[in-house]
C-alpha atoms as a PDB file:
ATOM      1  CA  MET A   1    -114.675  78.600  24.515  1.00  0.00           C
ATOM      2  CA  ASP A   2    -115.326  80.305  21.255  1.00  0.00           C
ATOM      3  CA  ILE A   3    -112.462  82.214  19.567  1.00  0.00           C
ATOM      4  CA  ALA A   4    -114.701  85.176  18.794  1.00  0.00           C
ATOM      5  CA  ALA A   5    -115.684  85.452  22.457  1.00  0.00           C
ATOM      6  CA  TRP A   6    -112.017  85.297  23.480  1.00  0.00           C
ATOM      7  CA  ILE A   7    -111.097  88.083  20.998  1.00  0.00           C
ATOM      8  CA  GLU A   8    -114.002  90.178  22.290  1.00  0.00           C
ATOM      9  CA  GLY A   9    -112.763  89.675  25.856  1.00  0.00           C
ATOM     10  CA  VAL A  10    -109.258  90.826  24.870  1.00  0.00           C
ATOM     11  CA  LYS A  11    -110.720  93.881  23.129  1.00  0.00           C
ATOM     12  CA  ASN A  12    -112.727  94.771  26.198  1.00  0.00           C
ATOM     13  CA  HIS A  13    -109.685  94.364  28.451  1.00  0.00           C
ATOM     14  CA  PHE A  14    -107.457  96.564  26.267  1.00  0.00           C
ATOM     15  CA  SER A  15    -109.902  99.295  25.445  1.00  0.00           C
ATOM     16  CA  TRP A  16    -108.385 102.548  24.170  1.00  0.00           C
ATOM     17  CA  GLU A  17    -109.725 104.797  26.874  1.00  0.00           C
ATOM     18  CA  GLU A  18    -108.443 102.769  29.805  1.00  0.00           C
ATOM     19  CA  HIS A  19    -105.034 101.643  28.565  1.00  0.00           C
ATOM     20  CA  LYS A  20    -103.870 104.290  26.125  1.00  0.00           C
ATOM     21  CA  TRP A  21    -101.158 105.375  28.559  1.00  0.00           C
ATOM     22  CA  TYR A  22     -99.454 101.969  27.994  1.00  0.00           C
ATOM     23  CA  ILE A  23     -98.890 102.922  24.386  1.00  0.00           C
ATOM     24  CA  PHE A  24     -97.734 106.440  25.192  1.00  0.00           C
ATOM     25  CA  ALA A  25     -95.434 105.266  27.992  1.00  0.00           C
ATOM     26  CA  SER A  26     -93.785 102.607  25.827  1.00  0.00           C
ATOM     27  CA  PHE A  27     -93.417 105.055  22.938  1.00  0.00           C
ATOM     28  CA  GLY A  28     -91.938 107.688  25.282  1.00  0.00           C
ATOM     29  CA  ALA A  29     -89.509 105.126  26.721  1.00  0.00           C
ATOM     30  CA  LEU A  30     -88.415 104.157  23.206  1.00  0.00           C
ATOM     31  CA  VAL A  31     -87.812 107.791  22.229  1.00  0.00           C
ATOM     32  CA  ALA A  32     -85.895 108.455  25.462  1.00  0.00           C
ATOM     33  CA  TYR A  33     -83.754 105.351  24.870  1.00  0.00           C
ATOM     34  CA  LYS A  34     -82.933 106.434  21.305  1.00  0.00           C
ATOM     35  CA  VAL A  35     -82.001 109.972  22.417  1.00  0.00           C
ATOM     36  CA  VAL A  36     -79.777 108.750  25.264  1.00  0.00           C
ATOM     37  CA  ARG A  37     -78.126 106.165  23.006  1.00  0.00           C
ATOM     38  CA  TYR A  38     -77.474 108.750  20.285  1.00  0.00           C
ATOM     39  CA  CYS A  39     -76.004 111.227  22.779  1.00  0.00           C
ATOM     40  CA  TYR A  40     -73.810 108.524  24.327  1.00  0.00           C
ATOM     41  CA  ARG A  41     -72.492 107.421  20.935  1.00  0.00           C
ATOM     42  CA  GLU A  42     -71.771 111.001  19.893  1.00  0.00           C
ATOM     43  CA  TYR A  43     -70.042 111.659  23.227  1.00  0.00           C
ATOM     44  CA  GLN A  44     -67.570 108.824  22.544  1.00  0.00           C
ATOM     45  CA  LEU A  45     -66.476 110.266  19.189  1.00  0.00           C
ATOM     46  CA  PRO A  46     -63.533 112.631  18.748  1.00  0.00           C
ATOM     47  CA  PRO A  47     -64.431 116.334  18.828  1.00  0.00           C
ATOM     48  CA  GLY A  48     -65.697 118.011  15.704  1.00  0.00           C
ATOM     49  CA  PRO A  49     -68.355 120.257  14.223  1.00  0.00           C
ATOM     50  CA  ILE A  50     -72.014 119.348  14.558  1.00  0.00           C
ATOM     51  CA  GLY A  51     -73.940 119.370  11.306  1.00  0.00           C
ATOM     52  CA  TRP A  52     -77.530 119.203  10.181  1.00  0.00           C
ATOM     53  CA  PRO A  53     -79.554 116.066  10.977  1.00  0.00           C
ATOM     54  CA  TRP A  54     -79.207 113.486   8.177  1.00  0.00           C
ATOM     55  CA  LEU A  55     -77.115 115.872   6.051  1.00  0.00           C
ATOM     56  CA  GLY A  56     -74.197 116.267   8.391  1.00  0.00           C
ATOM     57  CA  TYR A  57     -71.540 118.946   8.148  1.00  0.00           C
ATOM     58  CA  THR A  58     -72.379 120.488   4.758  1.00  0.00           C
ATOM     59  CA  PRO A  59     -69.428 122.924   4.303  1.00  0.00           C
ATOM     60  CA  CYS A  60     -67.308 119.869   3.456  1.00  0.00           C
ATOM     61  CA  LEU A  61     -69.413 119.301   0.345  1.00  0.00           C
ATOM     62  CA  LYS A  62     -68.428 122.520  -1.420  1.00  0.00           C
ATOM     63  CA  GLN A  63     -65.403 123.259  -3.561  1.00  0.00           C
ATOM     64  CA  GLY A  64     -62.215 123.724  -1.559  1.00  0.00           C
ATOM     65  CA  ALA A  65     -63.297 121.256   1.101  1.00  0.00           C
ATOM     66  CA  PHE A  66     -59.687 120.333   1.850  1.00  0.00           C
ATOM     67  CA  LYS A  67     -59.007 123.808   3.227  1.00  0.00           C
ATOM     68  CA  ASP A  68     -62.155 123.594   5.327  1.00  0.00           C
ATOM     69  CA  VAL A  69     -61.027 120.242   6.749  1.00  0.00           C
ATOM     70  CA  GLN A  70     -57.628 121.770   7.557  1.00  0.00           C
ATOM     71  CA  SER A  71     -59.295 124.609   9.467  1.00  0.00           C
ATOM     72  CA  ILE A  72     -61.451 122.078  11.334  1.00  0.00           C
ATOM     73  CA  CYS A  73     -58.321 120.147  12.317  1.00  0.00           C
ATOM     74  CA  LYS A  74     -56.679 123.350  13.561  1.00  0.00           C
ATOM     75  CA  LYS A  75     -59.755 124.173  15.632  1.00  0.00           C
ATOM     76  CA  TYR A  76     -60.570 120.731  17.095  1.00  0.00           C
ATOM     77  CA  GLY A  77     -57.169 119.009  17.183  1.00  0.00           C
ATOM     78  CA  PRO A  78     -55.332 116.269  15.298  1.00  0.00           C
ATOM     79  CA  VAL A  79     -58.216 113.767  15.507  1.00  0.00           C
ATOM     80  CA  THR A  80     -61.595 115.183  14.513  1.00  0.00           C
ATOM     81  CA  SER A  81     -64.883 113.663  13.443  1.00  0.00           C
ATOM     82  CA  PHE A  82     -68.038 114.787  11.696  1.00  0.00           C
ATOM     83  CA  ARG A  83     -70.832 113.273   9.653  1.00  0.00           C
ATOM     84  CA  VAL A  84     -71.455 113.763   5.947  1.00  0.00           C
ATOM     85  CA  CYS A  85     -74.699 112.374   4.498  1.00  0.00           C
ATOM     86  CA  GLY A  86     -75.102 110.052   7.463  1.00  0.00           C
ATOM     87  CA  LYS A  87     -71.577 108.624   7.188  1.00  0.00           C
ATOM     88  CA  LEU A  88     -69.123 109.177  10.007  1.00  0.00           C
ATOM     89  CA  MET A  89     -65.771 110.619   8.950  1.00  0.00           C
ATOM     90  CA  VAL A  90     -62.790 110.591  11.304  1.00  0.00           C
ATOM     91  CA  ILE A  91     -59.909 112.786  10.134  1.00  0.00           C
ATOM     92  CA  LEU A  92     -56.355 112.126  11.319  1.00  0.00           C
ATOM     93  CA  SER A  93     -54.128 115.144  10.666  1.00  0.00           C
ATOM     94  CA  ASP A  94     -51.128 114.383  12.860  1.00  0.00           C
ATOM     95  CA  GLU A  95     -48.263 112.006  12.140  1.00  0.00           C
ATOM     96  CA  GLU A  96     -48.488 110.439  15.594  1.00  0.00           C
ATOM     97  CA  ALA A  97     -52.248 109.887  15.250  1.00  0.00           C
ATOM     98  CA  ILE A  98     -51.786 108.271  11.848  1.00  0.00           C
ATOM     99  CA  LYS A  99     -49.026 105.994  13.162  1.00  0.00           C
ATOM    100  CA  GLY A 100     -51.161 105.009  16.126  1.00  0.00           C
ATOM    101  CA  ALA A 101     -54.158 104.260  13.938  1.00  0.00           C
ATOM    102  CA  ALA A 102     -52.054 102.334  11.431  1.00  0.00           C
ATOM    103  CA  LEU A 103     -50.409 100.183  14.065  1.00  0.00           C
ATOM    104  CA  GLU A 104     -53.308  99.606  16.461  1.00  0.00           C
ATOM    105  CA  ASN A 105     -56.297  99.454  14.082  1.00  0.00           C
ATOM    106  CA  ARG A 106     -54.814  98.108  10.902  1.00  0.00           C
ATOM    107  CA  ALA A 107     -58.056  96.399   9.861  1.00  0.00           C
ATOM    108  CA  LEU A 108     -59.963  99.711   9.850  1.00  0.00           C
ATOM    109  CA  ILE A 109     -57.629 101.532   7.463  1.00  0.00           C
ATOM    110  CA  GLY A 110     -59.239 102.266   4.139  1.00  0.00           C
ATOM    111  CA  ARG A 111     -60.597 104.867   1.814  1.00  0.00           C
ATOM    112  CA  TYR A 112     -63.822 106.691   2.326  1.00  0.00           C
ATOM    113  CA  THR A 113     -66.328 105.495  -0.262  1.00  0.00           C
ATOM    114  CA  MET A 114     -68.362 108.282  -1.778  1.00  0.00           C
ATOM    115  CA  LEU A 115     -72.052 107.518  -1.759  1.00  0.00           C
ATOM    116  CA  SER A 116     -72.802 108.415  -5.373  1.00  0.00           C
ATOM    117  CA  SER A 117     -69.787 106.755  -6.969  1.00  0.00           C
ATOM    118  CA  HIS A 118     -70.048 103.666  -4.770  1.00  0.00           C
ATOM    119  CA  SER A 119     -73.699 103.140  -5.662  1.00  0.00           C
ATOM    120  CA  LEU A 120     -73.041 103.685  -9.373  1.00  0.00           C
ATOM    121  CA  ALA A 121     -70.049 101.322  -9.404  1.00  0.00           C
ATOM    122  CA  ARG A 122     -71.936  98.701  -7.389  1.00  0.00           C
ATOM    123  CA  GLY A 123     -68.885  98.022  -5.225  1.00  0.00           C
ATOM    124  CA  HIS A 124     -66.527  97.183  -8.110  1.00  0.00           C
ATOM    125  CA  GLY A 125     -64.144 100.038  -7.346  1.00  0.00           C
ATOM    126  CA  LEU A 126     -64.562 101.838 -10.673  1.00  0.00           C
ATOM    127  CA  PHE A 127     -64.507 105.403  -9.354  1.00  0.00           C
ATOM    128  CA  ASN A 128     -62.617 104.942  -6.108  1.00  0.00           C
ATOM    129  CA  TYR A 129     -60.122 102.148  -5.899  1.00  0.00           C
ATOM    130  CA  ASP A 130     -61.822 100.451  -2.969  1.00  0.00           C
ATOM    131  CA  GLY A 131     -62.294  96.786  -3.793  1.00  0.00           C
ATOM    132  CA  ASP A 132     -60.769  93.740  -2.117  1.00  0.00           C
ATOM    133  CA  ASN A 133     -57.620  94.071  -4.217  1.00  0.00           C
ATOM    134  CA  ALA A 134     -57.188  97.679  -3.111  1.00  0.00           C
ATOM    135  CA  SER A 135     -57.588  96.698   0.537  1.00  0.00           C
ATOM    136  CA  SER A 136     -54.946  94.002   0.250  1.00  0.00           C
ATOM    137  CA  LEU A 137     -52.577  96.393  -1.555  1.00  0.00           C
ATOM    138  CA  ARG A 138     -53.077  98.979   1.188  1.00  0.00           C
ATOM    139  CA  ARG A 139     -52.297  96.327   3.807  1.00  0.00           C
ATOM    140  CA  VAL A 140     -49.070  95.446   1.995  1.00  0.00           C
ATOM    141  CA  LEU A 141     -48.144  99.135   1.746  1.00  0.00           C
ATOM    142  CA  VAL A 142     -48.808  99.780   5.432  1.00  0.00           C
ATOM    143  CA  ARG A 143     -46.833  96.677   6.393  1.00  0.00           C
ATOM    144  CA  GLY A 144     -43.919  97.813   4.213  1.00  0.00           C
ATOM    145  CA  ILE A 145     -43.972 101.337   5.633  1.00  0.00           C
ATOM    146  CA  TYR A 146     -44.105  99.927   9.153  1.00  0.00           C
ATOM    147  CA  GLN A 147     -41.069  97.711   8.456  1.00  0.00           C
ATOM    148  CA  LEU A 148     -39.167 100.645   6.955  1.00  0.00           C
ATOM    149  CA  MET A 149     -39.990 102.777   9.981  1.00  0.00           C
ATOM    150  CA  GLN A 150     -38.812 100.051  12.349  1.00  0.00           C
ATOM    151  CA  ASP A 151     -35.583  99.573  10.362  1.00  0.00           C
ATOM    152  CA  LYS A 152     -35.018 103.324  10.309  1.00  0.00           C
ATOM    153  CA  VAL A 153     -35.450 103.555  14.070  1.00  0.00           C
ATOM    154  CA  THR A 154     -33.039 100.682  14.739  1.00  0.00           C
ATOM    155  CA  HIS A 155     -30.386 101.878  12.232  1.00  0.00           C
ATOM    156  CA  GLN A 156     -30.375 105.606  12.943  1.00  0.00           C
ATOM    157  CA  GLY A 157     -26.901 105.524  14.449  1.00  0.00           C
ATOM    158  CA  GLY A 158     -25.180 104.424  11.196  1.00  0.00           C
ATOM    159  CA  PRO A 159     -23.607 106.657   8.542  1.00  0.00           C
ATOM    160  CA  VAL A 160     -25.985 108.217   6.022  1.00  0.00           C
ATOM    161  CA  GLY A 161     -25.958 106.651   2.557  1.00  0.00           C
ATOM    162  CA  THR A 162     -24.643 103.242   3.552  1.00  0.00           C
ATOM    163  CA  ASN A 163     -27.986 101.703   4.399  1.00  0.00           C
ATOM    164  CA  ILE A 164     -30.561 100.844   1.706  1.00  0.00           C
ATOM    165  CA  ASN A 165     -33.263 102.398   3.880  1.00  0.00           C
ATOM    166  CA  SER A 166     -31.497 105.742   4.004  1.00  0.00           C
ATOM    167  CA  ILE A 167     -31.134 105.707   0.211  1.00  0.00           C
ATOM    168  CA  LEU A 168     -34.822 104.916  -0.125  1.00  0.00           C
ATOM    169  CA  ASP A 169     -35.643 107.677   2.370  1.00  0.00           C
ATOM    170  CA  GLU A 170     -33.592 110.193   0.385  1.00  0.00           C
ATOM    171  CA  ILE A 171     -35.364 109.251  -2.855  1.00  0.00           C
ATOM    172  CA  LEU A 172     -38.776 109.438  -1.202  1.00  0.00           C
ATOM    173  CA  ASP A 173     -37.938 112.813   0.370  1.00  0.00           C
ATOM    174  CA  GLN A 174     -36.828 114.210  -3.007  1.00  0.00           C
ATOM    175  CA  GLU A 175     -39.919 112.962  -4.837  1.00  0.00           C
ATOM    176  CA  CYS A 176     -42.271 114.173  -2.110  1.00  0.00           C
ATOM    177  CA  GLY A 177     -40.539 117.552  -2.164  1.00  0.00           C
ATOM    178  CA  LYS A 178     -41.022 117.819  -5.936  1.00  0.00           C
ATOM    179  CA  PHE A 179     -44.673 116.851  -5.589  1.00  0.00           C
ATOM    180  CA  ASN A 180     -45.253 119.379  -2.795  1.00  0.00           C
ATOM    181  CA  LYS A 181     -43.640 122.150  -4.873  1.00  0.00           C
ATOM    182  CA  TYR A 182     -45.895 121.251  -7.798  1.00  0.00           C
ATOM    183  CA  LEU A 183     -48.992 121.305  -5.575  1.00  0.00           C
ATOM    184  CA  HIS A 184     -48.017 124.716  -4.170  1.00  0.00           C
ATOM    185  CA  SER A 185     -47.436 126.050  -7.687  1.00  0.00           C
ATOM    186  CA  MET A 186     -50.983 125.039  -8.704  1.00  0.00           C
ATOM    187  CA  ASN A 187     -52.493 127.280  -5.952  1.00  0.00           C
ATOM    188  CA  GLY A 188     -55.541 125.061  -5.467  1.00  0.00           C
ATOM    189  CA  ARG A 189     -56.377 124.770  -9.180  1.00  0.00           C
ATOM    190  CA  PRO A 190     -57.363 121.318 -10.445  1.00  0.00           C
ATOM    191  CA  PHE A 191     -54.783 119.397 -12.440  1.00  0.00           C
ATOM    192  CA  LYS A 192     -54.729 116.204 -14.438  1.00  0.00           C
ATOM    193  CA  VAL A 193     -53.082 113.203 -12.816  1.00  0.00           C
ATOM    194  CA  THR A 194     -51.405 110.946 -15.372  1.00  0.00           C
END
């Protein structure tokens, strides 16, 4: 049998007029699958605002985005999610949610990499400190905080000031209080971090 005759037979069998519904049916099934899959994946995410396709929730891109994120967390709860430029962002705004995420999903803890700075730095962590060294330092910090929290829970019955953890807690509380006062005094204005 000649190859040209075989190709001609295949062409005749799959002519456009007779079998075009195969193409449309398979294309329609693919589109339906993608829509159902997208809806199912979005349904499993924490609640949050719905943004524009491919752009995401654009109010978080303007100046004063932190206040907008705070209002989103008040509206949708302590765990919210939204997309920005195609990237999924999950915001934890409650101490219990942060503890749960830190203890249960320790491998997922990290900083959000900004698209522009990450592409310019080529993954070297020049703009955001997000390289391998930063990940290992964050793991050490989380492990240390977890150990301090466990020690604090087990030693809460003792007198204040006698335990090294309570001294460390007092120092951390004082420094965090000073930092919070400074942030409130700036009233949202930018400041130089040295």
